[in-house]
């Protein structure tokens, strides 16, 4: 009967002395990523395990590995971990990635029949089309010839100066023409 090697001890030794393994330096990140992805895809994965994985790896490496997952993998993972979320069926791939990160960071999954204010706003943002900027009030504004942003003290003086200049310009135009 052959004895098996302790994989954790071997990986720890390789991480402690990477100069001893120069020819497989490019394989290490791929193997590490593949192992974490395999654990994330495991049927027995629960939200607590997801949080533990993120805590052990750190938020940045976890985010990099999660970004490398395909849209289908992320959707399947979120569907398995948070199956009762009201926005799950109408969600975009970006929403699935955001939800996976939120679950890993500590947000609780929805229970059956549960509704929260967050779900209502997420549902509204998914269904309500955004208002077009060209149809909004600022784009329909018309200038009335007055500077409404000038300070109160200077505005009265500038307005009087402007009126005086306008009268002078009208008189000079009448004389010339």
Protein backbone atom coordinates (compact mmCIF):
# COMPACT_ATOMS: atom_id res chain seq x y z
CA UNK A 1 0.00 0.00 0.00
CA UNK A 2 1.50 3.29 -1.12
CA UNK A 3 1.56 6.23 1.22
CA UNK A 4 0.31 9.55 -0.13
CA UNK A 5 2.14 12.80 0.29
CA UNK A 6 0.67 15.68 2.31
CA UNK A 7 -0.30 18.14 -0.43
CA UNK A 8 -0.66 21.08 1.93
CA UNK A 9 2.85 20.56 3.27
CA UNK A 10 4.26 20.35 -0.25
CA UNK A 11 2.45 23.52 -1.38
CA UNK A 12 3.55 25.34 1.76
CA UNK A 13 7.18 24.30 1.16
CA UNK A 14 6.95 25.44 -2.47
CA UNK A 15 5.56 28.80 -1.38
CA UNK A 16 8.35 29.18 1.19
CA UNK A 17 11.10 28.56 -1.38
CA UNK A 18 9.91 29.54 -4.87
CA UNK A 19 13.52 29.75 -6.15
CA UNK A 20 13.77 25.97 -5.87
CA UNK A 21 11.01 25.58 -8.47
CA UNK A 22 11.83 28.06 -11.27
CA UNK A 23 10.56 25.88 -14.13
CA UNK A 24 7.02 25.64 -12.77
CA UNK A 25 6.67 29.27 -11.70
CA UNK A 26 3.97 29.93 -14.32
CA UNK A 27 2.02 26.82 -13.35
CA UNK A 28 1.59 27.76 -9.68
CA UNK A 29 -1.01 30.55 -10.18
CA UNK A 30 -3.02 28.38 -12.59
CA UNK A 31 -2.99 25.43 -10.20
CA UNK A 32 -3.94 27.61 -7.22
CA UNK A 33 -6.77 29.24 -9.17
CA UNK A 34 -8.01 25.86 -10.41
CA UNK A 35 -8.09 24.48 -6.88
CA UNK A 36 -10.04 27.46 -5.52
CA UNK A 37 -12.50 27.35 -8.44
CA UNK A 38 -13.00 23.63 -7.88
CA UNK A 39 -13.80 24.32 -4.23
CA UNK A 40 -16.22 27.12 -5.20
CA UNK A 41 -18.01 24.78 -7.62
CA UNK A 42 -18.34 22.01 -5.03
CA UNK A 43 -21.95 21.03 -4.33
CA UNK A 44 -21.40 21.19 -0.57
CA UNK A 45 -20.30 24.84 -0.60
CA UNK A 46 -22.36 27.05 1.70
CA UNK A 47 -22.25 30.79 2.34
CA UNK A 48 -20.17 30.29 5.50
CA UNK A 49 -17.59 28.33 3.49
CA UNK A 50 -17.55 31.05 0.83
CA UNK A 51 -16.83 33.66 3.52
CA UNK A 52 -14.09 31.50 5.00
CA UNK A 53 -12.44 31.10 1.59
CA UNK A 54 -12.52 34.89 1.07
CA UNK A 55 -11.12 35.47 4.55
CA UNK A 56 -8.27 32.99 4.09
CA UNK A 57 -7.31 34.19 0.61
CA UNK A 58 -7.89 37.88 1.22
CA UNK A 59 -10.35 40.12 -0.56
CA UNK A 60 -8.13 41.02 -3.52
CA UNK A 61 -7.05 37.48 -4.54
CA UNK A 62 -10.62 36.28 -4.03
CA UNK A 63 -11.92 39.08 -6.27
CA UNK A 64 -9.36 38.22 -8.97
CA UNK A 65 -10.37 34.56 -8.90
CA UNK A 66 -14.09 35.45 -8.94
CA UNK A 67 -13.51 37.79 -11.91
CA UNK A 68 -11.95 34.89 -13.79
CA UNK A 69 -15.11 32.80 -13.46
CA UNK A 70 -17.40 32.64 -16.48
CA UNK A 71 -20.84 34.26 -16.38
CA UNK A 72 -22.50 30.84 -16.22
CA UNK A 73 -20.29 29.74 -13.32
CA UNK A 74 -21.05 32.89 -11.32
CA UNK A 75 -24.77 32.63 -12.04
CA UNK A 76 -24.81 28.98 -10.96
CA UNK A 77 -22.91 29.79 -7.79
CA UNK A 78 -25.18 32.68 -6.81
CA UNK A 79 -28.29 30.65 -7.66
CA UNK A 80 -27.10 27.85 -5.41
CA UNK A 81 -26.08 30.12 -2.51
CA UNK A 82 -28.98 32.61 -2.65
CA UNK A 83 -31.85 30.83 -4.44
CA UNK A 84 -34.66 32.95 -2.97
CA UNK A 85 -33.37 36.39 -3.99
CA UNK A 86 -36.22 38.26 -5.74
CA UNK A 87 -33.96 39.76 -8.44
CA UNK A 88 -32.26 36.51 -9.34
CA UNK A 89 -34.33 35.70 -12.43
CA UNK A 90 -34.07 39.14 -14.04
CA UNK A 91 -30.48 39.85 -13.02
CA UNK A 92 -27.59 40.67 -15.32
CA UNK A 93 -24.17 38.98 -15.20
CA UNK A 94 -22.74 42.08 -13.52
CA UNK A 95 -25.39 41.83 -10.82
CA UNK A 96 -24.49 38.17 -10.23
CA UNK A 97 -20.83 39.11 -9.73
CA UNK A 98 -21.80 41.91 -7.37
CA UNK A 99 -24.08 39.57 -5.41
CA UNK A 100 -21.34 36.93 -5.13
CA UNK A 101 -18.97 39.56 -3.72
CA UNK A 102 -21.66 40.76 -1.30
CA UNK A 103 -22.35 37.23 -0.06
CA UNK A 104 -18.63 36.60 0.41
CA UNK A 105 -18.24 39.90 2.26
CA UNK A 106 -20.91 39.00 4.80
CA UNK A 107 -24.33 39.87 3.40
CA UNK A 108 -26.97 37.32 4.32
CA UNK A 109 -28.80 35.36 1.63
CA UNK A 110 -32.56 35.78 1.32
CA UNK A 111 -34.85 33.28 3.00
CA UNK A 112 -37.91 31.89 1.30
CA UNK A 113 -40.61 34.58 1.11
CA UNK A 114 -38.38 37.26 2.64
CA UNK A 115 -38.34 40.74 1.16
CA UNK A 116 -36.04 43.60 2.07
CA UNK A 117 -35.79 47.23 1.07
CA UNK A 118 -32.61 46.42 -0.84
CA UNK A 119 -34.47 43.92 -2.98
CA UNK A 120 -37.19 46.47 -3.77
CA UNK A 121 -34.69 49.07 -4.92
CA UNK A 122 -32.69 46.51 -6.90
CA UNK A 123 -35.87 45.31 -8.58
CA UNK A 124 -36.92 48.89 -9.38
CA UNK A 125 -33.51 49.71 -10.85
CA UNK A 126 -33.62 46.62 -13.05
CA UNK A 127 -37.13 47.32 -14.37
CA UNK A 128 -37.32 51.13 -14.54
CA UNK A 129 -35.61 52.60 -17.59
CA UNK A 130 -33.29 55.50 -16.94
CA UNK A 131 -34.49 58.98 -17.85
CA UNK A 132 -32.78 60.41 -20.89
CA UNK A 133 -30.62 63.43 -20.19
CA UNK A 134 -31.77 65.40 -23.24
CA UNK A 135 -35.37 65.27 -22.04
CA UNK A 136 -34.50 66.47 -18.56
CA UNK A 137 -35.19 69.95 -17.22
CA UNK A 138 -31.61 71.33 -17.41
CA UNK A 139 -31.42 70.61 -21.15
CA UNK A 140 -34.78 72.27 -21.76
CA UNK A 141 -33.73 75.48 -19.96
CA UNK A 142 -33.74 78.81 -21.78
CA UNK A 143 -31.54 81.74 -20.73
CA UNK A 144 -33.54 84.74 -19.56
CA UNK A 145 -30.64 87.18 -19.82
CA UNK A 146 -29.99 87.43 -16.08
CA UNK A 147 -27.14 86.05 -14.03
CA UNK A 148 -28.92 84.24 -11.19
CA UNK A 149 -25.69 82.86 -9.69
CA UNK A 150 -23.99 86.21 -8.98
CA UNK A 151 -23.59 87.23 -5.31
CA UNK A 152 -26.36 89.50 -4.00
CA UNK A 153 -24.14 92.55 -3.35
CA UNK A 154 -22.48 92.53 -6.74
CA UNK A 155 -25.55 91.46 -8.70
CA UNK A 156 -27.41 94.73 -8.16
CA UNK A 157 -24.37 96.82 -9.13
CA UNK A 158 -23.59 94.72 -12.19
CA UNK A 159 -27.21 94.77 -13.32
CA UNK A 160 -27.28 98.57 -13.09
CA UNK A 161 -23.98 98.82 -15.00
CA UNK A 162 -25.31 96.47 -17.67
CA UNK A 163 -28.50 98.50 -18.10
CA UNK A 164 -26.45 101.68 -18.44
CA UNK A 165 -24.23 100.07 -21.08
CA UNK A 166 -27.25 98.75 -22.98
CA UNK A 167 -28.80 102.25 -23.12
CA UNK A 168 -25.51 103.76 -24.33
CA UNK A 169 -25.19 101.08 -27.03
CA UNK A 170 -28.73 101.76 -28.26
CA UNK A 171 -28.10 105.54 -28.43
CA UNK A 172 -24.83 105.10 -30.31
CA UNK A 173 -26.48 102.73 -32.80
CA UNK A 174 -29.26 105.26 -33.48
CA UNK A 175 -26.74 108.03 -34.12
CA UNK A 176 -24.65 105.90 -36.49
CA UNK A 177 -27.52 104.48 -38.45
